[in-house]
PDB file of N, CA and C in Angstrom:
ATOM      1  N   MET A   1      -7.839 -11.583  16.997  1.00  0.00           N
ATOM      2  CA  MET A   1      -7.997 -10.343  16.279  1.00  0.00           C
ATOM      3  C   MET A   1      -9.489 -10.044  16.165  1.00  0.00           C
ATOM      4  N   SER A   2      -9.893  -8.834  16.536  1.00  0.00           N
ATOM      5  CA  SER A   2     -11.307  -8.486  16.471  1.00  0.00           C
ATOM      6  C   SER A   2     -11.691  -8.081  15.058  1.00  0.00           C
ATOM      7  N   GLU A   3     -12.931  -8.396  14.723  1.00  0.00           N
ATOM      8  CA  GLU A   3     -13.427  -8.062  13.390  1.00  0.00           C
ATOM      9  C   GLU A   3     -13.863  -6.608  13.376  1.00  0.00           C
ATOM     10  N   GLN A   4     -13.400  -5.851  12.398  1.00  0.00           N
ATOM     11  CA  GLN A   4     -13.784  -4.451  12.281  1.00  0.00           C
ATOM     12  C   GLN A   4     -15.053  -4.381  11.456  1.00  0.00           C
ATOM     13  N   ARG A   5     -16.082  -3.755  12.022  1.00  0.00           N
ATOM     14  CA  ARG A   5     -17.376  -3.647  11.373  1.00  0.00           C
ATOM     15  C   ARG A   5     -17.440  -2.419  10.487  1.00  0.00           C
ATOM     16  N   ASP A   6     -18.044  -2.551   9.349  1.00  0.00           N
ATOM     17  CA  ASP A   6     -18.245  -1.417   8.449  1.00  0.00           C
ATOM     18  C   ASP A   6     -19.459  -0.640   8.942  1.00  0.00           C
ATOM     19  N   VAL A   7     -19.260   0.606   9.356  1.00  0.00           N
ATOM     20  CA  VAL A   7     -20.372   1.410   9.862  1.00  0.00           C
ATOM     21  C   VAL A   7     -20.914   2.361   8.813  1.00  0.00           C
ATOM     22  N   CYS A   8     -20.436   2.254   7.597  1.00  0.00           N
ATOM     23  CA  CYS A   8     -20.921   3.115   6.531  1.00  0.00           C
ATOM     24  C   CYS A   8     -22.417   2.911   6.343  1.00  0.00           C
ATOM     25  N   CYS A   9     -23.163   3.981   6.465  1.00  0.00           N
ATOM     26  CA  CYS A   9     -24.622   3.978   6.280  1.00  0.00           C
ATOM     27  C   CYS A   9     -25.368   3.172   7.340  1.00  0.00           C
ATOM     28  N   SER A  10     -24.720   2.732   8.408  1.00  0.00           N
ATOM     29  CA  SER A  10     -25.413   1.909   9.387  1.00  0.00           C
ATOM     30  C   SER A  10     -26.126   2.718  10.445  1.00  0.00           C
ATOM     31  N   GLY A  11     -25.774   3.990  10.599  1.00  0.00           N
ATOM     32  CA  GLY A  11     -26.407   4.801  11.614  1.00  0.00           C
ATOM     33  C   GLY A  11     -25.877   4.537  13.010  1.00  0.00           C
ATOM     34  N   ASP A  12     -24.870   3.660  13.161  1.00  0.00           N
ATOM     35  CA  ASP A  12     -24.352   3.312  14.480  1.00  0.00           C
ATOM     36  C   ASP A  12     -23.374   4.348  15.043  1.00  0.00           C
ATOM     37  N   ALA A  13     -22.780   5.148  14.202  1.00  0.00           N
ATOM     38  CA  ALA A  13     -21.780   6.101  14.660  1.00  0.00           C
ATOM     39  C   ALA A  13     -22.454   7.276  15.349  1.00  0.00           C
ATOM     40  N   LYS A  14     -21.907   7.679  16.499  1.00  0.00           N
ATOM     41  CA  LYS A  14     -22.457   8.830  17.209  1.00  0.00           C
ATOM     42  C   LYS A  14     -22.065  10.133  16.535  1.00  0.00           C
ATOM     43  N   THR A  15     -20.851  10.203  16.032  1.00  0.00           N
ATOM     44  CA  THR A  15     -20.368  11.397  15.340  1.00  0.00           C
ATOM     45  C   THR A  15     -19.756  10.966  14.017  1.00  0.00           C
ATOM     46  N   LEU A  16     -20.169  11.652  12.960  1.00  0.00           N
ATOM     47  CA  LEU A  16     -19.594  11.408  11.642  1.00  0.00           C
ATOM     48  C   LEU A  16     -18.685  12.576  11.300  1.00  0.00           C
ATOM     49  N   VAL A  17     -17.505  12.288  10.778  1.00  0.00           N
ATOM     50  CA  VAL A  17     -16.558  13.313  10.367  1.00  0.00           C
ATOM     51  C   VAL A  17     -16.437  13.234   8.851  1.00  0.00           C
ATOM     52  N   LEU A  18     -16.750  14.348   8.199  1.00  0.00           N
ATOM     53  CA  LEU A  18     -16.736  14.399   6.739  1.00  0.00           C
ATOM     54  C   LEU A  18     -15.790  15.494   6.301  1.00  0.00           C
ATOM     55  N   ALA A  19     -15.062  15.247   5.212  1.00  0.00           N
ATOM     56  CA  ALA A  19     -14.059  16.219   4.794  1.00  0.00           C
ATOM     57  C   ALA A  19     -13.980  16.339   3.295  1.00  0.00           C
ATOM     58  N   CYS A  20     -13.651  17.550   2.889  1.00  0.00           N
ATOM     59  CA  CYS A  20     -13.269  17.829   1.514  1.00  0.00           C
ATOM     60  C   CYS A  20     -12.020  16.990   1.237  1.00  0.00           C
ATOM     61  N   SER A  21     -11.881  16.546   0.039  1.00  0.00           N
ATOM     62  CA  SER A  21     -10.619  15.910  -0.351  1.00  0.00           C
ATOM     63  C   SER A  21     -10.220  16.438  -1.716  1.00  0.00           C
ATOM     64  N   GLY A  22     -10.362  17.744  -1.859  1.00  0.00           N
ATOM     65  CA  GLY A  22     -10.106  18.422  -3.120  1.00  0.00           C
ATOM     66  C   GLY A  22      -8.665  18.359  -3.572  1.00  0.00           C
ATOM     67  N   GLY A  23      -8.406  18.940  -4.727  1.00  0.00           N
ATOM     68  CA  GLY A  23      -7.122  18.827  -5.395  1.00  0.00           C
ATOM     69  C   GLY A  23      -6.061  19.808  -4.963  1.00  0.00           C
ATOM     70  N   SER A  24      -6.230  20.437  -3.811  1.00  0.00           N
ATOM     71  CA  SER A  24      -5.211  21.347  -3.284  1.00  0.00           C
ATOM     72  C   SER A  24      -4.665  20.782  -1.980  1.00  0.00           C
ATOM     73  N   ASN A  25      -3.645  21.444  -1.461  1.00  0.00           N
ATOM     74  CA  ASN A  25      -3.128  21.046  -0.154  1.00  0.00           C
ATOM     75  C   ASN A  25      -4.223  21.148   0.903  1.00  0.00           C
ATOM     76  N   ALA A  26      -5.071  22.182   0.822  1.00  0.00           N
ATOM     77  CA  ALA A  26      -6.116  22.398   1.823  1.00  0.00           C
ATOM     78  C   ALA A  26      -7.119  21.243   1.834  1.00  0.00           C
ATOM     79  N   GLY A  27      -7.502  20.772   0.662  1.00  0.00           N
ATOM     80  CA  GLY A  27      -8.419  19.640   0.584  1.00  0.00           C
ATOM     81  C   GLY A  27      -7.800  18.369   1.130  1.00  0.00           C
ATOM     82  N   GLN A  28      -6.545  18.154   0.837  1.00  0.00           N
ATOM     83  CA  GLN A  28      -5.864  16.962   1.334  1.00  0.00           C
ATOM     84  C   GLN A  28      -5.637  17.032   2.851  1.00  0.00           C
ATOM     85  N   ILE A  29      -5.390  18.224   3.359  1.00  0.00           N
ATOM     86  CA  ILE A  29      -5.249  18.403   4.807  1.00  0.00           C
ATOM     87  C   ILE A  29      -6.575  18.090   5.482  1.00  0.00           C
ATOM     88  N   ALA A  30      -7.672  18.594   4.935  1.00  0.00           N
ATOM     89  CA  ALA A  30      -8.995  18.305   5.497  1.00  0.00           C
ATOM     90  C   ALA A  30      -9.222  16.804   5.569  1.00  0.00           C
ATOM     91  N   ASN A  31      -8.901  16.115   4.501  1.00  0.00           N
ATOM     92  CA  ASN A  31      -9.070  14.662   4.466  1.00  0.00           C
ATOM     93  C   ASN A  31      -8.168  13.972   5.488  1.00  0.00           C
ATOM     94  N   ASN A  32      -6.913  14.410   5.566  1.00  0.00           N
ATOM     95  CA  ASN A  32      -5.982  13.828   6.544  1.00  0.00           C
ATOM     96  C   ASN A  32      -6.468  14.040   7.977  1.00  0.00           C
ATOM     97  N   VAL A  33      -6.998  15.221   8.260  1.00  0.00           N
ATOM     98  CA  VAL A  33      -7.499  15.511   9.610  1.00  0.00           C
ATOM     99  C   VAL A  33      -8.687  14.600   9.918  1.00  0.00           C
ATOM    100  N   MET A  34      -9.565  14.389   8.953  1.00  0.00           N
ATOM    101  CA  MET A  34     -10.691  13.474   9.155  1.00  0.00           C
ATOM    102  C   MET A  34     -10.190  12.090   9.562  1.00  0.00           C
ATOM    103  N   ILE A  35      -9.188  11.602   8.873  1.00  0.00           N
ATOM    104  CA  ILE A  35      -8.626  10.284   9.175  1.00  0.00           C
ATOM    105  C   ILE A  35      -8.041  10.259  10.588  1.00  0.00           C
ATOM    106  N   GLU A  36      -7.303  11.309  10.951  1.00  0.00           N
ATOM    107  CA  GLU A  36      -6.705  11.368  12.290  1.00  0.00           C
ATOM    108  C   GLU A  36      -7.777  11.428  13.386  1.00  0.00           C
ATOM    109  N   LEU A  37      -8.845  12.174  13.152  1.00  0.00           N
ATOM    110  CA  LEU A  37      -9.935  12.240  14.137  1.00  0.00           C
ATOM    111  C   LEU A  37     -10.598  10.876  14.289  1.00  0.00           C
ATOM    112  N   ASP A  38     -10.715  10.135  13.198  1.00  0.00           N
ATOM    113  CA  ASP A  38     -11.245   8.776  13.267  1.00  0.00           C
ATOM    114  C   ASP A  38     -10.314   7.890  14.097  1.00  0.00           C
ATOM    115  N   LYS A  39      -9.028   7.950  13.815  1.00  0.00           N
ATOM    116  CA  LYS A  39      -8.052   7.139  14.559  1.00  0.00           C
ATOM    117  C   LYS A  39      -8.091   7.427  16.047  1.00  0.00           C
ATOM    118  N   LYS A  40      -8.335   8.690  16.398  1.00  0.00           N
ATOM    119  CA  LYS A  40      -8.358   9.100  17.803  1.00  0.00           C
ATOM    120  C   LYS A  40      -9.707   8.825  18.468  1.00  0.00           C
ATOM    121  N   GLY A  41     -10.669   8.325  17.707  1.00  0.00           N
ATOM    122  CA  GLY A  41     -11.965   7.984  18.274  1.00  0.00           C
ATOM    123  C   GLY A  41     -12.913   9.156  18.452  1.00  0.00           C
ATOM    124  N   VAL A  42     -12.598  10.291  17.840  1.00  0.00           N
ATOM    125  CA  VAL A  42     -13.468  11.468  17.937  1.00  0.00           C
ATOM    126  C   VAL A  42     -14.776  11.217  17.196  1.00  0.00           C
ATOM    127  N   GLY A  43     -14.699  10.527  16.097  1.00  0.00           N
ATOM    128  CA  GLY A  43     -15.868  10.195  15.291  1.00  0.00           C
ATOM    129  C   GLY A  43     -15.447   9.276  14.162  1.00  0.00           C
ATOM    130  N   ASN A  44     -16.425   8.838  13.401  1.00  0.00           N
ATOM    131  CA  ASN A  44     -16.136   7.948  12.292  1.00  0.00           C
ATOM    132  C   ASN A  44     -15.977   8.742  11.001  1.00  0.00           C
ATOM    133  N   ALA A  45     -14.875   8.500  10.292  1.00  0.00           N
ATOM    134  CA  ALA A  45     -14.696   9.096   8.973  1.00  0.00           C
ATOM    135  C   ALA A  45     -15.872   8.647   8.127  1.00  0.00           C
ATOM    136  N   TYR A  46     -16.416   9.574   7.346  1.00  0.00           N
ATOM    137  CA  TYR A  46     -17.626   9.278   6.586  1.00  0.00           C
ATOM    138  C   TYR A  46     -17.502   9.863   5.188  1.00  0.00           C
ATOM    139  N   CYS A  47     -18.294   9.394   4.280  1.00  0.00           N
ATOM    140  CA  CYS A  47     -18.152   9.695   2.861  1.00  0.00           C
ATOM    141  C   CYS A  47     -18.967  10.910   2.420  1.00  0.00           C
ATOM    142  N   LEU A  48     -18.287  12.033   2.273  1.00  0.00           N
ATOM    143  CA  LEU A  48     -18.933  13.244   1.779  1.00  0.00           C
ATOM    144  C   LEU A  48     -19.387  13.061   0.331  1.00  0.00           C
ATOM    145  N   ALA A  49     -18.642  12.296  -0.444  1.00  0.00           N
ATOM    146  CA  ALA A  49     -19.014  12.056  -1.840  1.00  0.00           C
ATOM    147  C   ALA A  49     -20.361  11.340  -1.929  1.00  0.00           C
ATOM    148  N   GLY A  50     -20.663  10.474  -0.976  1.00  0.00           N
ATOM    149  CA  GLY A  50     -21.949   9.786  -0.964  1.00  0.00           C
ATOM    150  C   GLY A  50     -23.104  10.758  -0.798  1.00  0.00           C
ATOM    151  N   ILE A  51     -22.888  11.792  -0.005  1.00  0.00           N
ATOM    152  CA  ILE A  51     -23.913  12.826   0.162  1.00  0.00           C
ATOM    153  C   ILE A  51     -24.014  13.659  -1.109  1.00  0.00           C
ATOM    154  N   GLY A  52     -22.875  14.071  -1.629  1.00  0.00           N
ATOM    155  CA  GLY A  52     -22.868  14.843  -2.862  1.00  0.00           C
ATOM    156  C   GLY A  52     -23.492  14.092  -4.024  1.00  0.00           C
ATOM    157  N   ALA A  53     -23.392  12.766  -4.005  1.00  0.00           N
ATOM    158  CA  ALA A  53     -23.963  11.933  -5.065  1.00  0.00           C
ATOM    159  C   ALA A  53     -25.432  11.597  -4.809  1.00  0.00           C
ATOM    160  N   ALA A  54     -25.989  12.152  -3.746  1.00  0.00           N
ATOM    161  CA  ALA A  54     -27.409  11.973  -3.414  1.00  0.00           C
ATOM    162  C   ALA A  54     -27.771  10.526  -3.097  1.00  0.00           C
ATOM    163  N   LEU A  55     -26.851   9.777  -2.512  1.00  0.00           N
ATOM    164  CA  LEU A  55     -27.147   8.403  -2.108  1.00  0.00           C
ATOM    165  C   LEU A  55     -27.933   8.456  -0.799  1.00  0.00           C
ATOM    166  N   SER A  56     -29.146   7.979  -0.834  1.00  0.00           N
ATOM    167  CA  SER A  56     -30.085   8.201   0.273  1.00  0.00           C
ATOM    168  C   SER A  56     -29.578   7.691   1.615  1.00  0.00           C
ATOM    169  N   GLY A  57     -28.900   6.566   1.653  1.00  0.00           N
ATOM    170  CA  GLY A  57     -28.387   6.047   2.917  1.00  0.00           C
ATOM    171  C   GLY A  57     -27.381   6.988   3.559  1.00  0.00           C
ATOM    172  N   PHE A  58     -26.547   7.591   2.748  1.00  0.00           N
ATOM    173  CA  PHE A  58     -25.553   8.541   3.244  1.00  0.00           C
ATOM    174  C   PHE A  58     -26.233   9.806   3.750  1.00  0.00           C
ATOM    175  N   VAL A  59     -27.178  10.305   2.978  1.00  0.00           N
ATOM    176  CA  VAL A  59     -27.894  11.528   3.361  1.00  0.00           C
ATOM    177  C   VAL A  59     -28.652  11.308   4.661  1.00  0.00           C
ATOM    178  N   GLU A  60     -29.380  10.212   4.763  1.00  0.00           N
ATOM    179  CA  GLU A  60     -30.174   9.944   5.966  1.00  0.00           C
ATOM    180  C   GLU A  60     -29.282   9.730   7.190  1.00  0.00           C
ATOM    181  N   SER A  61     -28.156   9.064   7.008  1.00  0.00           N
ATOM    182  CA  SER A  61     -27.225   8.879   8.129  1.00  0.00           C
ATOM    183  C   SER A  61     -26.682  10.213   8.618  1.00  0.00           C
ATOM    184  N   ALA A  62     -26.347  11.112   7.687  1.00  0.00           N
ATOM    185  CA  ALA A  62     -25.842  12.434   8.071  1.00  0.00           C
ATOM    186  C   ALA A  62     -26.912  13.253   8.773  1.00  0.00           C
ATOM    187  N   LYS A  63     -28.154  13.123   8.344  1.00  0.00           N
ATOM    188  CA  LYS A  63     -29.254  13.851   8.993  1.00  0.00           C
ATOM    189  C   LYS A  63     -29.453  13.379  10.427  1.00  0.00           C
ATOM    190  N   ALA A  64     -29.211  12.103  10.672  1.00  0.00           N
ATOM    191  CA  ALA A  64     -29.490  11.510  11.976  1.00  0.00           C
ATOM    192  C   ALA A  64     -28.335  11.611  12.970  1.00  0.00           C
ATOM    193  N   ALA A  65     -27.180  12.025  12.522  1.00  0.00           N
ATOM    194  CA  ALA A  65     -25.981  11.985  13.368  1.00  0.00           C
ATOM    195  C   ALA A  65     -25.497  13.381  13.733  1.00  0.00           C
ATOM    196  N   LYS A  66     -24.650  13.416  14.743  1.00  0.00           N
ATOM    197  CA  LYS A  66     -23.840  14.602  15.008  1.00  0.00           C
ATOM    198  C   LYS A  66     -22.761  14.581  13.937  1.00  0.00           C
ATOM    199  N   THR A  67     -22.485  15.735  13.317  1.00  0.00           N
ATOM    200  CA  THR A  67     -21.521  15.753  12.222  1.00  0.00           C
ATOM    201  C   THR A  67     -20.477  16.842  12.402  1.00  0.00           C
ATOM    202  N   VAL A  68     -19.278  16.520  11.973  1.00  0.00           N
ATOM    203  CA  VAL A  68     -18.183  17.478  11.892  1.00  0.00           C
ATOM    204  C   VAL A  68     -17.802  17.534  10.420  1.00  0.00           C
ATOM    205  N   VAL A  69     -17.898  18.720   9.815  1.00  0.00           N
ATOM    206  CA  VAL A  69     -17.540  18.891   8.413  1.00  0.00           C
ATOM    207  C   VAL A  69     -16.293  19.762   8.336  1.00  0.00           C
ATOM    208  N   ILE A  70     -15.322  19.303   7.567  1.00  0.00           N
ATOM    209  CA  ILE A  70     -14.073  20.033   7.391  1.00  0.00           C
ATOM    210  C   ILE A  70     -13.904  20.321   5.904  1.00  0.00           C
ATOM    211  N   ASP A  71     -14.039  21.585   5.538  1.00  0.00           N
ATOM    212  CA  ASP A  71     -13.804  22.002   4.151  1.00  0.00           C
ATOM    213  C   ASP A  71     -12.388  22.525   4.035  1.00  0.00           C
ATOM    214  N   GLY A  72     -11.812  22.392   2.856  1.00  0.00           N
ATOM    215  CA  GLY A  72     -10.459  22.878   2.632  1.00  0.00           C
ATOM    216  C   GLY A  72     -10.387  24.385   2.484  1.00  0.00           C
ATOM    217  N   CYS A  73     -11.382  24.959   1.826  1.00  0.00           N
ATOM    218  CA  CYS A  73     -11.336  26.387   1.523  1.00  0.00           C
ATOM    219  C   CYS A  73     -12.738  26.992   1.578  1.00  0.00           C
ATOM    220  N   PRO A  74     -12.854  28.294   1.434  1.00  0.00           N
ATOM    221  CA  PRO A  74     -14.160  28.953   1.534  1.00  0.00           C
ATOM    222  C   PRO A  74     -15.162  28.607   0.434  1.00  0.00           C
ATOM    223  N   VAL A  75     -14.740  27.899  -0.608  1.00  0.00           N
ATOM    224  CA  VAL A  75     -15.710  27.447  -1.603  1.00  0.00           C
ATOM    225  C   VAL A  75     -16.783  26.607  -0.903  1.00  0.00           C
ATOM    226  N   GLY A  76     -16.377  25.844   0.100  1.00  0.00           N
ATOM    227  CA  GLY A  76     -17.319  25.155   0.975  1.00  0.00           C
ATOM    228  C   GLY A  76     -18.110  24.030   0.339  1.00  0.00           C
ATOM    229  N   CYS A  77     -17.484  23.178  -0.410  1.00  0.00           N
ATOM    230  CA  CYS A  77     -18.183  22.081  -1.074  1.00  0.00           C
ATOM    231  C   CYS A  77     -18.932  21.187  -0.080  1.00  0.00           C
ATOM    232  N   GLY A  78     -18.299  20.879   1.032  1.00  0.00           N
ATOM    233  CA  GLY A  78     -18.950  20.044   2.042  1.00  0.00           C
ATOM    234  C   GLY A  78     -20.185  20.707   2.617  1.00  0.00           C
ATOM    235  N   LYS A  79     -20.041  21.960   2.971  1.00  0.00           N
ATOM    236  CA  LYS A  79     -21.168  22.711   3.520  1.00  0.00           C
ATOM    237  C   LYS A  79     -22.305  22.803   2.505  1.00  0.00           C
ATOM    238  N   LYS A  80     -21.963  23.032   1.250  1.00  0.00           N
ATOM    239  CA  LYS A  80     -22.991  23.137   0.197  1.00  0.00           C
ATOM    240  C   LYS A  80     -23.685  21.800  -0.038  1.00  0.00           C
ATOM    241  N   ALA A  81     -22.960  20.702   0.042  1.00  0.00           N
ATOM    242  CA  ALA A  81     -23.582  19.381  -0.093  1.00  0.00           C
ATOM    243  C   ALA A  81     -24.594  19.170   1.030  1.00  0.00           C
ATOM    244  N   PHE A  82     -24.243  19.574   2.234  1.00  0.00           N
ATOM    245  CA  PHE A  82     -25.162  19.461   3.372  1.00  0.00           C
ATOM    246  C   PHE A  82     -26.389  20.349   3.154  1.00  0.00           C
ATOM    247  N   GLU A  83     -26.161  21.581   2.752  1.00  0.00           N
ATOM    248  CA  GLU A  83     -27.264  22.530   2.565  1.00  0.00           C
ATOM    249  C   GLU A  83     -28.269  22.029   1.538  1.00  0.00           C
ATOM    250  N   LYS A  84     -27.795  21.323   0.539  1.00  0.00           N
ATOM    251  CA  LYS A  84     -28.666  20.778  -0.506  1.00  0.00           C
ATOM    252  C   LYS A  84     -29.766  19.900   0.092  1.00  0.00           C
ATOM    253  N   TYR A  85     -29.478  19.270   1.235  1.00  0.00           N
ATOM    254  CA  TYR A  85     -30.428  18.367   1.883  1.00  0.00           C
ATOM    255  C   TYR A  85     -30.931  18.912   3.220  1.00  0.00           C
ATOM    256  N   GLY A  86     -30.693  20.193   3.457  1.00  0.00           N
ATOM    257  CA  GLY A  86     -31.175  20.810   4.684  1.00  0.00           C
ATOM    258  C   GLY A  86     -30.478  20.312   5.934  1.00  0.00           C
ATOM    259  N   ILE A  87     -29.235  19.877   5.795  1.00  0.00           N
ATOM    260  CA  ILE A  87     -28.468  19.382   6.940  1.00  0.00           C
ATOM    261  C   ILE A  87     -27.525  20.489   7.389  1.00  0.00           C
ATOM    262  N   GLU A  88     -27.462  20.713   8.689  1.00  0.00           N
ATOM    263  CA  GLU A  88     -26.500  21.665   9.237  1.00  0.00           C
ATOM    264  C   GLU A  88     -25.487  20.885  10.058  1.00  0.00           C
ATOM    265  N   ALA A  89     -24.230  21.083   9.763  1.00  0.00           N
ATOM    266  CA  ALA A  89     -23.171  20.392  10.503  1.00  0.00           C
ATOM    267  C   ALA A  89     -23.189  20.827  11.963  1.00  0.00           C
ATOM    268  N   SER A  90     -22.947  19.886  12.846  1.00  0.00           N
ATOM    269  CA  SER A  90     -22.842  20.208  14.270  1.00  0.00           C
ATOM    270  C   SER A  90     -21.645  21.110  14.522  1.00  0.00           C
ATOM    271  N   GLN A  91     -20.552  20.828  13.810  1.00  0.00           N
ATOM    272  CA  GLN A  91     -19.358  21.661  13.875  1.00  0.00           C
ATOM    273  C   GLN A  91     -18.798  21.779  12.462  1.00  0.00           C
ATOM    274  N   TYR A  92     -18.300  22.976  12.137  1.00  0.00           N
ATOM    275  CA  TYR A  92     -17.832  23.233  10.782  1.00  0.00           C
ATOM    276  C   TYR A  92     -16.501  23.973  10.826  1.00  0.00           C
ATOM    277  N   PHE A  93     -15.548  23.500  10.022  1.00  0.00           N
ATOM    278  CA  PHE A  93     -14.216  24.086   9.972  1.00  0.00           C
ATOM    279  C   PHE A  93     -13.787  24.284   8.528  1.00  0.00           C
ATOM    280  N   ILE A  94     -12.988  25.335   8.301  1.00  0.00           N
ATOM    281  CA  ILE A  94     -12.390  25.587   6.992  1.00  0.00           C
ATOM    282  C   ILE A  94     -10.877  25.668   7.198  1.00  0.00           C
ATOM    283  N   VAL A  95     -10.152  24.795   6.538  1.00  0.00           N
ATOM    284  CA  VAL A  95      -8.696  24.693   6.700  1.00  0.00           C
ATOM    285  C   VAL A  95      -8.007  26.038   6.468  1.00  0.00           C
ATOM    286  N   THR A  96      -8.396  26.771   5.431  1.00  0.00           N
ATOM    287  CA  THR A  96      -7.717  28.037   5.126  1.00  0.00           C
ATOM    288  C   THR A  96      -7.996  29.121   6.163  1.00  0.00           C
ATOM    289  N   GLU A  97      -8.982  28.906   7.011  1.00  0.00           N
ATOM    290  CA  GLU A  97      -9.231  29.848   8.111  1.00  0.00           C
ATOM    291  C   GLU A  97      -8.473  29.451   9.379  1.00  0.00           C
ATOM    292  N   LEU A  98      -7.680  28.398   9.259  1.00  0.00           N
ATOM    293  CA  LEU A  98      -6.891  27.914  10.392  1.00  0.00           C
ATOM    294  C   LEU A  98      -5.394  28.079  10.132  1.00  0.00           C
ATOM    295  N   GLY A  99      -5.046  29.083   9.333  1.00  0.00           N
ATOM    296  CA  GLY A  99      -3.647  29.434   9.134  1.00  0.00           C
ATOM    297  C   GLY A  99      -2.953  28.757   7.971  1.00  0.00           C
ATOM    298  N   ILE A 100      -3.701  28.124   7.098  1.00  0.00           N
ATOM    299  CA  ILE A 100      -3.103  27.425   5.954  1.00  0.00           C
ATOM    300  C   ILE A 100      -3.459  28.171   4.672  1.00  0.00           C
ATOM    301  N   GLU A 101      -2.463  28.412   3.826  1.00  0.00           N
ATOM    302  CA  GLU A 101      -2.703  29.014   2.523  1.00  0.00           C
ATOM    303  C   GLU A 101      -2.974  27.898   1.516  1.00  0.00           C
ATOM    304  N   LYS A 102      -4.021  28.050   0.730  1.00  0.00           N
ATOM    305  CA  LYS A 102      -4.369  27.052  -0.286  1.00  0.00           C
ATOM    306  C   LYS A 102      -3.367  27.129  -1.434  1.00  0.00           C
ATOM    307  N   THR A 103      -2.705  26.015  -1.712  1.00  0.00           N
ATOM    308  CA  THR A 103      -1.731  25.926  -2.794  1.00  0.00           C
ATOM    309  C   THR A 103      -1.845  24.548  -3.450  1.00  0.00           C
ATOM    310  N   HIS A 104      -0.966  24.301  -4.368  1.00  0.00           N
ATOM    311  CA  HIS A 104      -0.848  22.956  -4.937  1.00  0.00           C
ATOM    312  C   HIS A 104       0.504  22.356  -4.555  1.00  0.00           C
ATOM    313  N   ASP A 105       1.019  22.807  -3.439  1.00  0.00           N
ATOM    314  CA  ASP A 105       2.277  22.305  -2.886  1.00  0.00           C
ATOM    315  C   ASP A 105       1.930  21.257  -1.828  1.00  0.00           C
ATOM    316  N   PHE A 106       2.259  20.015  -2.112  1.00  0.00           N
ATOM    317  CA  PHE A 106       1.923  18.923  -1.206  1.00  0.00           C
ATOM    318  C   PHE A 106       3.101  18.478  -0.345  1.00  0.00           C
ATOM    319  N   THR A 107       4.201  19.230  -0.370  1.00  0.00           N
ATOM    320  CA  THR A 107       5.413  18.809   0.342  1.00  0.00           C
ATOM    321  C   THR A 107       5.323  19.030   1.847  1.00  0.00           C
ATOM    322  N   LYS A 108       4.397  19.875   2.299  1.00  0.00           N
ATOM    323  CA  LYS A 108       4.304  20.176   3.733  1.00  0.00           C
ATOM    324  C   LYS A 108       3.036  19.613   4.373  1.00  0.00           C
ATOM    325  N   LEU A 109       2.419  18.631   3.720  1.00  0.00           N
ATOM    326  CA  LEU A 109       1.144  18.107   4.216  1.00  0.00           C
ATOM    327  C   LEU A 109       1.216  17.592   5.646  1.00  0.00           C
ATOM    328  N   ALA A 110       2.266  16.891   5.992  1.00  0.00           N
ATOM    329  CA  ALA A 110       2.361  16.321   7.344  1.00  0.00           C
ATOM    330  C   ALA A 110       2.354  17.421   8.403  1.00  0.00           C
ATOM    331  N   ASP A 111       3.164  18.442   8.223  1.00  0.00           N
ATOM    332  CA  ASP A 111       3.226  19.537   9.197  1.00  0.00           C
ATOM    333  C   ASP A 111       1.935  20.352   9.200  1.00  0.00           C
ATOM    334  N   GLU A 112       1.400  20.620   8.016  1.00  0.00           N
ATOM    335  CA  GLU A 112       0.164  21.399   7.939  1.00  0.00           C
ATOM    336  C   GLU A 112      -1.006  20.624   8.551  1.00  0.00           C
ATOM    337  N   THR A 113      -1.027  19.316   8.336  1.00  0.00           N
ATOM    338  CA  THR A 113      -2.080  18.483   8.932  1.00  0.00           C
ATOM    339  C   THR A 113      -2.000  18.542  10.449  1.00  0.00           C
ATOM    340  N   LYS A 114      -0.801  18.429  11.001  1.00  0.00           N
ATOM    341  CA  LYS A 114      -0.634  18.503  12.464  1.00  0.00           C
ATOM    342  C   LYS A 114      -1.151  19.818  13.010  1.00  0.00           C
ATOM    343  N   SER A 115      -0.846  20.908  12.339  1.00  0.00           N
ATOM    344  CA  SER A 115      -1.273  22.235  12.769  1.00  0.00           C
ATOM    345  C   SER A 115      -2.792  22.358  12.772  1.00  0.00           C
ATOM    346  N   VAL A 116      -3.427  21.921  11.701  1.00  0.00           N
ATOM    347  CA  VAL A 116      -4.887  22.010  11.593  1.00  0.00           C
ATOM    348  C   VAL A 116      -5.554  21.039  12.565  1.00  0.00           C
ATOM    349  N   LEU A 117      -5.010  19.861  12.702  1.00  0.00           N
ATOM    350  CA  LEU A 117      -5.559  18.877  13.649  1.00  0.00           C
ATOM    351  C   LEU A 117      -5.578  19.437  15.054  1.00  0.00           C
ATOM    352  N   LYS A 118      -4.481  20.071  15.443  1.00  0.00           N
ATOM    353  CA  LYS A 118      -4.390  20.674  16.783  1.00  0.00           C
ATOM    354  C   LYS A 118      -5.462  21.753  16.958  1.00  0.00           C
ATOM    355  N   ALA A 119      -5.648  22.607  15.965  1.00  0.00           N
ATOM    356  CA  ALA A 119      -6.649  23.668  16.049  1.00  0.00           C
ATOM    357  C   ALA A 119      -8.056  23.102  16.143  1.00  0.00           C
ATOM    358  N   ILE A 120      -8.347  22.084  15.352  1.00  0.00           N
ATOM    359  CA  ILE A 120      -9.698  21.496  15.372  1.00  0.00           C
ATOM    360  C   ILE A 120      -9.937  20.736  16.653  1.00  0.00           C
ATOM    361  N   GLU A 121      -8.961  19.972  17.107  1.00  0.00           N
ATOM    362  CA  GLU A 121      -9.128  19.224  18.361  1.00  0.00           C
ATOM    363  C   GLU A 121      -9.407  20.152  19.536  1.00  0.00           C
ATOM    364  N   SER A 122      -8.822  21.326  19.522  1.00  0.00           N
ATOM    365  CA  SER A 122      -9.039  22.250  20.638  1.00  0.00           C
ATOM    366  C   SER A 122     -10.446  22.855  20.610  1.00  0.00           C
ATOM    367  N   SER A 123     -11.139  22.732  19.466  1.00  0.00           N
ATOM    368  CA  SER A 123     -12.494  23.270  19.333  1.00  0.00           C
ATOM    369  C   SER A 123     -13.584  22.210  19.459  1.00  0.00           C
ATOM    370  N   ILE A 124     -13.199  20.966  19.409  1.00  0.00           N
ATOM    371  CA  ILE A 124     -14.195  19.883  19.479  1.00  0.00           C
ATOM    372  C   ILE A 124     -14.437  19.494  20.929  1.00  0.00           C
TER     373      ILE A 124
END
């Protein structure tokens, strides 16, 4: 069994994928898509909260990497966290602009995640 290395803050990842994980279906879909992109090897799931919390290792890693940011809705928390440090995402997506209505209904997350994942994968 191979040992899985923690790449958090290591700067080793070529692409970092960061996502909103807010309290709506849209935030949870963004987070789920980030996980799926990591599983598929598109990039490494990365901690948006670390950037929002101003942890220097997280901020510097995001500045140095290619980044994909997925926000749940137009409030754009992920984008605003990046802007605070002068970081521009290499690619930026908003779940609600990909055919998903923001609700607090979590019963369709699997299907909605598949739909958004397909849309984002076709753009990456």
